[in-house]
Amino acid sequence: MKISETDLILNPDGSIYHLNLLPEDVAETIITVGDQDRVAEVSKYFDRIELKKGKREFLTHTGFIGSKRITVISTGIGTDNIDIVLNELDALVNIDFNTRQVKDVLTSLDV
C-alpha cells in the first residue's frame, strides 16, 4: 500500500520533513540526546564526521568510531519530539521514499 503525501511528508530535496535527513544519512546505531549542544559533545569522540545536518531543534551528526558508523541526534524537549524522531528514523530505514511503500525487509535500529 502506497503511503500518502500527508502521512509521509518529504522536503523538496527528498529528505524527511522534520529531521531533514535522507536514508543514507543515518547509521544503524543511533545515540539520542535532548539538547542539540550535546550532539557535538558526543561526536567529538568520533574518529571522523561525515555528516552534520540540522533543522530547528533536530541536529544530527553521523560519523565513525573505528569502522563503526554511528549517528547522534538531538530530540529537543518532550515526548512529542521524541515521537517525531523515532517515527522519522523508522521511516528513513523502512520506507522506500521513491515508491512510498514499506520495504519487504525491515531494519531494526539500535537506539
N, C-alpha and C. Protein backbone atom coordinates (compact mmCIF):
# COMPACT_ATOMS: atom_id res chain seq x y z
N MET A 1 0.84 -1.18 0.00
CA MET A 1 0.00 0.00 0.00
C MET A 1 0.89 1.25 0.00
N LYS A 2 0.60 2.17 -0.88
CA LYS A 2 1.35 3.40 -1.00
C LYS A 2 1.00 4.34 0.15
N ILE A 3 2.03 4.94 0.77
CA ILE A 3 1.84 5.88 1.87
C ILE A 3 1.60 7.26 1.28
N SER A 4 0.54 7.92 1.73
CA SER A 4 0.14 9.21 1.16
C SER A 4 1.15 10.31 1.49
N GLU A 5 1.08 11.39 0.71
CA GLU A 5 1.96 12.54 0.93
C GLU A 5 1.66 13.24 2.24
N THR A 6 0.47 13.08 2.78
CA THR A 6 0.15 13.70 4.07
C THR A 6 0.63 12.84 5.24
N ASP A 7 0.80 11.55 5.02
CA ASP A 7 1.29 10.66 6.07
C ASP A 7 2.81 10.54 6.08
N LEU A 8 3.44 10.77 4.94
CA LEU A 8 4.89 10.76 4.83
C LEU A 8 5.29 12.04 4.11
N ILE A 9 5.63 13.05 4.91
CA ILE A 9 5.94 14.37 4.36
C ILE A 9 7.44 14.45 4.08
N LEU A 10 7.76 14.79 2.83
CA LEU A 10 9.15 14.93 2.42
C LEU A 10 9.41 16.37 2.01
N ASN A 11 10.63 16.83 2.24
CA ASN A 11 11.07 18.15 1.79
C ASN A 11 11.33 18.09 0.29
N PRO A 12 11.43 19.25 -0.37
CA PRO A 12 11.68 19.26 -1.82
C PRO A 12 12.93 18.47 -2.24
N ASP A 13 13.94 18.37 -1.36
CA ASP A 13 15.15 17.62 -1.69
C ASP A 13 15.02 16.12 -1.44
N GLY A 14 13.82 15.68 -1.01
CA GLY A 14 13.57 14.26 -0.77
C GLY A 14 13.85 13.81 0.65
N SER A 15 14.30 14.74 1.50
CA SER A 15 14.58 14.38 2.90
C SER A 15 13.28 14.35 3.70
N ILE A 16 13.33 13.61 4.81
CA ILE A 16 12.15 13.52 5.67
C ILE A 16 11.93 14.86 6.36
N TYR A 17 10.67 15.24 6.54
CA TYR A 17 10.28 16.61 6.87
C TYR A 17 10.98 17.22 8.09
N HIS A 18 10.79 16.68 9.27
CA HIS A 18 11.31 17.33 10.48
C HIS A 18 12.82 17.19 10.64
N LEU A 19 13.34 16.00 10.38
CA LEU A 19 14.76 15.75 10.61
C LEU A 19 15.65 16.25 9.49
N ASN A 20 15.07 16.49 8.31
CA ASN A 20 15.82 16.97 7.16
C ASN A 20 16.93 15.98 6.77
N LEU A 21 16.64 14.69 6.91
CA LEU A 21 17.63 13.65 6.62
C LEU A 21 17.18 12.78 5.45
N LEU A 22 18.15 12.25 4.73
CA LEU A 22 17.93 11.25 3.69
C LEU A 22 18.26 9.88 4.28
N PRO A 23 17.73 8.82 3.70
CA PRO A 23 18.01 7.48 4.25
C PRO A 23 19.50 7.18 4.43
N GLU A 24 20.33 7.63 3.51
CA GLU A 24 21.76 7.34 3.61
C GLU A 24 22.47 8.16 4.68
N ASP A 25 21.78 9.12 5.29
CA ASP A 25 22.39 9.97 6.31
C ASP A 25 22.49 9.33 7.69
N VAL A 26 21.75 8.25 7.93
CA VAL A 26 21.70 7.68 9.28
C VAL A 26 22.38 6.31 9.33
N ALA A 27 23.05 6.08 10.45
CA ALA A 27 23.66 4.78 10.73
C ALA A 27 22.62 3.90 11.39
N GLU A 28 22.92 2.61 11.51
CA GLU A 28 22.00 1.71 12.20
C GLU A 28 22.15 1.81 13.72
N THR A 29 23.23 2.44 14.18
CA THR A 29 23.42 2.70 15.61
C THR A 29 23.19 4.18 15.85
N ILE A 30 22.23 4.49 16.73
CA ILE A 30 21.80 5.86 16.98
C ILE A 30 21.97 6.19 18.46
N ILE A 31 22.53 7.36 18.74
CA ILE A 31 22.56 7.90 20.10
C ILE A 31 21.67 9.13 20.10
N THR A 32 20.71 9.19 21.02
CA THR A 32 19.85 10.37 21.12
C THR A 32 20.25 11.18 22.34
N VAL A 33 20.17 12.50 22.18
CA VAL A 33 20.40 13.44 23.27
C VAL A 33 19.28 14.47 23.22
N GLY A 34 18.96 15.08 24.33
CA GLY A 34 17.89 16.07 24.34
C GLY A 34 18.33 17.38 23.71
N ASP A 35 19.34 18.00 24.27
CA ASP A 35 19.82 19.32 23.86
C ASP A 35 20.75 19.20 22.66
N GLN A 36 20.52 20.03 21.65
CA GLN A 36 21.35 19.95 20.45
C GLN A 36 22.81 20.28 20.72
N ASP A 37 23.12 21.02 21.79
CA ASP A 37 24.51 21.30 22.12
C ASP A 37 25.26 20.03 22.52
N ARG A 38 24.54 19.02 22.97
CA ARG A 38 25.18 17.76 23.37
C ARG A 38 25.59 16.91 22.17
N VAL A 39 25.05 17.19 21.00
CA VAL A 39 25.42 16.42 19.81
C VAL A 39 26.93 16.53 19.57
N ALA A 40 27.45 17.74 19.59
CA ALA A 40 28.89 17.95 19.39
C ALA A 40 29.70 17.37 20.54
N GLU A 41 29.13 17.36 21.73
CA GLU A 41 29.82 16.77 22.88
C GLU A 41 30.01 15.27 22.70
N VAL A 42 29.10 14.63 22.01
CA VAL A 42 29.23 13.20 21.71
C VAL A 42 30.10 12.98 20.47
N SER A 43 29.81 13.71 19.41
CA SER A 43 30.51 13.45 18.14
C SER A 43 31.98 13.87 18.17
N LYS A 44 32.40 14.64 19.17
CA LYS A 44 33.82 14.99 19.26
C LYS A 44 34.68 13.75 19.50
N TYR A 45 34.06 12.66 19.94
CA TYR A 45 34.78 11.41 20.14
C TYR A 45 34.81 10.53 18.89
N PHE A 46 34.11 10.94 17.84
CA PHE A 46 34.16 10.21 16.58
C PHE A 46 35.56 10.37 15.97
N ASP A 47 36.02 9.34 15.28
CA ASP A 47 37.29 9.45 14.55
C ASP A 47 37.14 10.39 13.36
N ARG A 48 35.98 10.35 12.76
CA ARG A 48 35.67 11.30 11.68
C ARG A 48 34.16 11.48 11.59
N ILE A 49 33.76 12.67 11.16
CA ILE A 49 32.35 13.00 10.99
C ILE A 49 32.10 13.18 9.50
N GLU A 50 31.10 12.47 8.98
CA GLU A 50 30.80 12.55 7.55
C GLU A 50 29.59 13.43 7.26
N LEU A 51 28.78 13.71 8.29
CA LEU A 51 27.55 14.47 8.06
C LEU A 51 27.23 15.32 9.27
N LYS A 52 26.88 16.58 9.01
CA LYS A 52 26.33 17.48 10.02
C LYS A 52 25.13 18.15 9.38
N LYS A 53 23.95 17.89 9.93
CA LYS A 53 22.72 18.48 9.39
C LYS A 53 21.81 18.87 10.54
N GLY A 54 21.04 19.92 10.32
CA GLY A 54 20.10 20.31 11.35
C GLY A 54 18.89 21.01 10.78
N LYS A 55 17.82 20.93 11.54
CA LYS A 55 16.60 21.67 11.24
C LYS A 55 15.90 21.89 12.57
N ARG A 56 15.76 23.15 12.92
CA ARG A 56 15.16 23.51 14.21
C ARG A 56 15.91 22.84 15.35
N GLU A 57 15.22 22.14 16.24
CA GLU A 57 15.89 21.53 17.38
C GLU A 57 16.54 20.18 17.07
N PHE A 58 16.38 19.71 15.84
CA PHE A 58 16.90 18.40 15.46
C PHE A 58 18.25 18.54 14.75
N LEU A 59 19.32 18.27 15.48
CA LEU A 59 20.67 18.34 14.93
C LEU A 59 21.23 16.92 14.86
N THR A 60 21.84 16.58 13.73
CA THR A 60 22.35 15.23 13.51
C THR A 60 23.81 15.28 13.06
N HIS A 61 24.63 14.43 13.67
CA HIS A 61 25.99 14.17 13.21
C HIS A 61 26.10 12.66 12.99
N THR A 62 26.63 12.28 11.85
CA THR A 62 26.91 10.87 11.57
C THR A 62 28.40 10.74 11.28
N GLY A 63 29.00 9.74 11.90
CA GLY A 63 30.43 9.54 11.71
C GLY A 63 30.86 8.15 12.12
N PHE A 64 32.15 8.02 12.36
CA PHE A 64 32.73 6.72 12.66
C PHE A 64 33.59 6.75 13.91
N ILE A 65 33.51 5.68 14.68
CA ILE A 65 34.50 5.34 15.69
C ILE A 65 35.09 4.03 15.20
N GLY A 66 36.33 4.09 14.73
CA GLY A 66 36.91 2.93 14.05
C GLY A 66 36.11 2.66 12.80
N SER A 67 35.65 1.43 12.64
CA SER A 67 34.83 1.09 11.47
C SER A 67 33.34 1.13 11.77
N LYS A 68 32.98 1.48 13.00
CA LYS A 68 31.57 1.51 13.43
C LYS A 68 30.95 2.86 13.07
N ARG A 69 29.91 2.82 12.24
CA ARG A 69 29.19 4.04 11.84
C ARG A 69 28.11 4.33 12.89
N ILE A 70 28.08 5.58 13.37
CA ILE A 70 27.18 5.98 14.44
C ILE A 70 26.54 7.32 14.09
N THR A 71 25.27 7.47 14.44
CA THR A 71 24.56 8.74 14.32
C THR A 71 24.19 9.22 15.70
N VAL A 72 24.42 10.50 15.96
CA VAL A 72 23.93 11.13 17.19
C VAL A 72 22.96 12.23 16.77
N ILE A 73 21.79 12.27 17.42
CA ILE A 73 20.74 13.20 17.03
C ILE A 73 20.07 13.78 18.26
N SER A 74 19.78 15.07 18.21
CA SER A 74 19.07 15.72 19.31
C SER A 74 17.57 15.60 19.10
N THR A 75 16.86 15.43 20.22
CA THR A 75 15.41 15.28 20.16
C THR A 75 14.67 16.53 20.59
N GLY A 76 15.37 17.44 21.24
CA GLY A 76 14.65 18.56 21.84
C GLY A 76 13.96 18.08 23.11
N ILE A 77 13.02 18.87 23.58
CA ILE A 77 12.35 18.58 24.85
C ILE A 77 10.97 18.00 24.61
N GLY A 78 10.64 16.98 25.38
CA GLY A 78 9.28 16.46 25.39
C GLY A 78 9.08 15.19 24.61
N THR A 79 8.05 14.47 25.03
CA THR A 79 7.75 13.19 24.40
C THR A 79 7.26 13.34 22.96
N ASP A 80 6.64 14.47 22.65
CA ASP A 80 6.17 14.67 21.27
C ASP A 80 7.34 14.75 20.30
N ASN A 81 8.42 15.41 20.70
CA ASN A 81 9.61 15.48 19.84
C ASN A 81 10.29 14.12 19.72
N ILE A 82 10.35 13.38 20.82
CA ILE A 82 10.94 12.04 20.77
C ILE A 82 10.14 11.16 19.83
N ASP A 83 8.82 11.29 19.86
CA ASP A 83 7.95 10.54 18.96
C ASP A 83 8.27 10.86 17.50
N ILE A 84 8.45 12.14 17.20
CA ILE A 84 8.79 12.56 15.83
C ILE A 84 10.11 11.92 15.41
N VAL A 85 11.12 12.03 16.25
CA VAL A 85 12.45 11.50 15.92
C VAL A 85 12.39 10.00 15.66
N LEU A 86 11.78 9.25 16.56
CA LEU A 86 11.76 7.79 16.41
C LEU A 86 10.94 7.35 15.20
N ASN A 87 9.81 8.01 14.96
CA ASN A 87 9.00 7.65 13.80
C ASN A 87 9.69 8.01 12.48
N GLU A 88 10.35 9.15 12.44
CA GLU A 88 11.03 9.54 11.20
C GLU A 88 12.28 8.70 10.97
N LEU A 89 12.99 8.31 12.03
CA LEU A 89 14.12 7.39 11.87
C LEU A 89 13.65 6.06 11.30
N ASP A 90 12.53 5.56 11.83
CA ASP A 90 11.96 4.30 11.32
C ASP A 90 11.60 4.44 9.84
N ALA A 91 10.99 5.54 9.48
CA ALA A 91 10.63 5.76 8.07
C ALA A 91 11.87 5.81 7.18
N LEU A 92 12.93 6.43 7.67
CA LEU A 92 14.16 6.54 6.88
C LEU A 92 14.74 5.18 6.50
N VAL A 93 14.62 4.21 7.38
CA VAL A 93 15.22 2.90 7.08
C VAL A 93 14.23 1.86 6.57
N ASN A 94 12.94 2.10 6.74
CA ASN A 94 11.96 1.06 6.41
C ASN A 94 10.94 1.42 5.34
N ILE A 95 11.03 2.62 4.79
CA ILE A 95 10.13 3.03 3.71
C ILE A 95 10.97 3.44 2.51
N ASP A 96 10.60 2.96 1.35
CA ASP A 96 11.23 3.40 0.10
C ASP A 96 10.59 4.73 -0.27
N PHE A 97 11.35 5.81 -0.20
CA PHE A 97 10.80 7.15 -0.44
C PHE A 97 10.37 7.35 -1.88
N ASN A 98 10.95 6.61 -2.82
CA ASN A 98 10.56 6.75 -4.23
C ASN A 98 9.19 6.14 -4.50
N THR A 99 8.94 4.97 -3.94
CA THR A 99 7.66 4.29 -4.18
C THR A 99 6.64 4.55 -3.08
N ARG A 100 7.12 5.10 -1.94
CA ARG A 100 6.27 5.34 -0.76
C ARG A 100 5.66 4.04 -0.24
N GLN A 101 6.41 2.96 -0.37
CA GLN A 101 5.97 1.64 0.10
C GLN A 101 6.90 1.18 1.22
N VAL A 102 6.33 0.42 2.16
CA VAL A 102 7.15 -0.21 3.19
C VAL A 102 8.03 -1.26 2.52
N LYS A 103 9.31 -1.28 2.89
CA LYS A 103 10.25 -2.22 2.30
C LYS A 103 9.90 -3.65 2.69
N ASP A 104 10.25 -4.59 1.83
CA ASP A 104 10.00 -6.01 2.10
C ASP A 104 10.81 -6.51 3.29
N VAL A 105 12.05 -6.04 3.40
CA VAL A 105 12.93 -6.43 4.51
C VAL A 105 13.08 -5.22 5.42
N LEU A 106 12.66 -5.37 6.67
CA LEU A 106 12.70 -4.26 7.62
C LEU A 106 14.01 -4.24 8.39
N THR A 107 14.43 -3.03 8.77
CA THR A 107 15.66 -2.81 9.51
C THR A 107 15.33 -2.35 10.92
N SER A 108 15.96 -2.97 11.89
CA SER A 108 15.84 -2.52 13.28
C SER A 108 17.05 -1.66 13.61
N LEU A 109 16.79 -0.47 14.11
CA LEU A 109 17.88 0.42 14.53
C LEU A 109 18.25 0.12 15.97
N ASP A 110 19.51 0.33 16.30
CA ASP A 110 19.99 0.20 17.67
C ASP A 110 20.02 1.61 18.26
N VAL A 111 18.95 1.98 18.98
CA VAL A 111 18.82 3.34 19.52
C VAL A 111 19.12 3.31 21.00
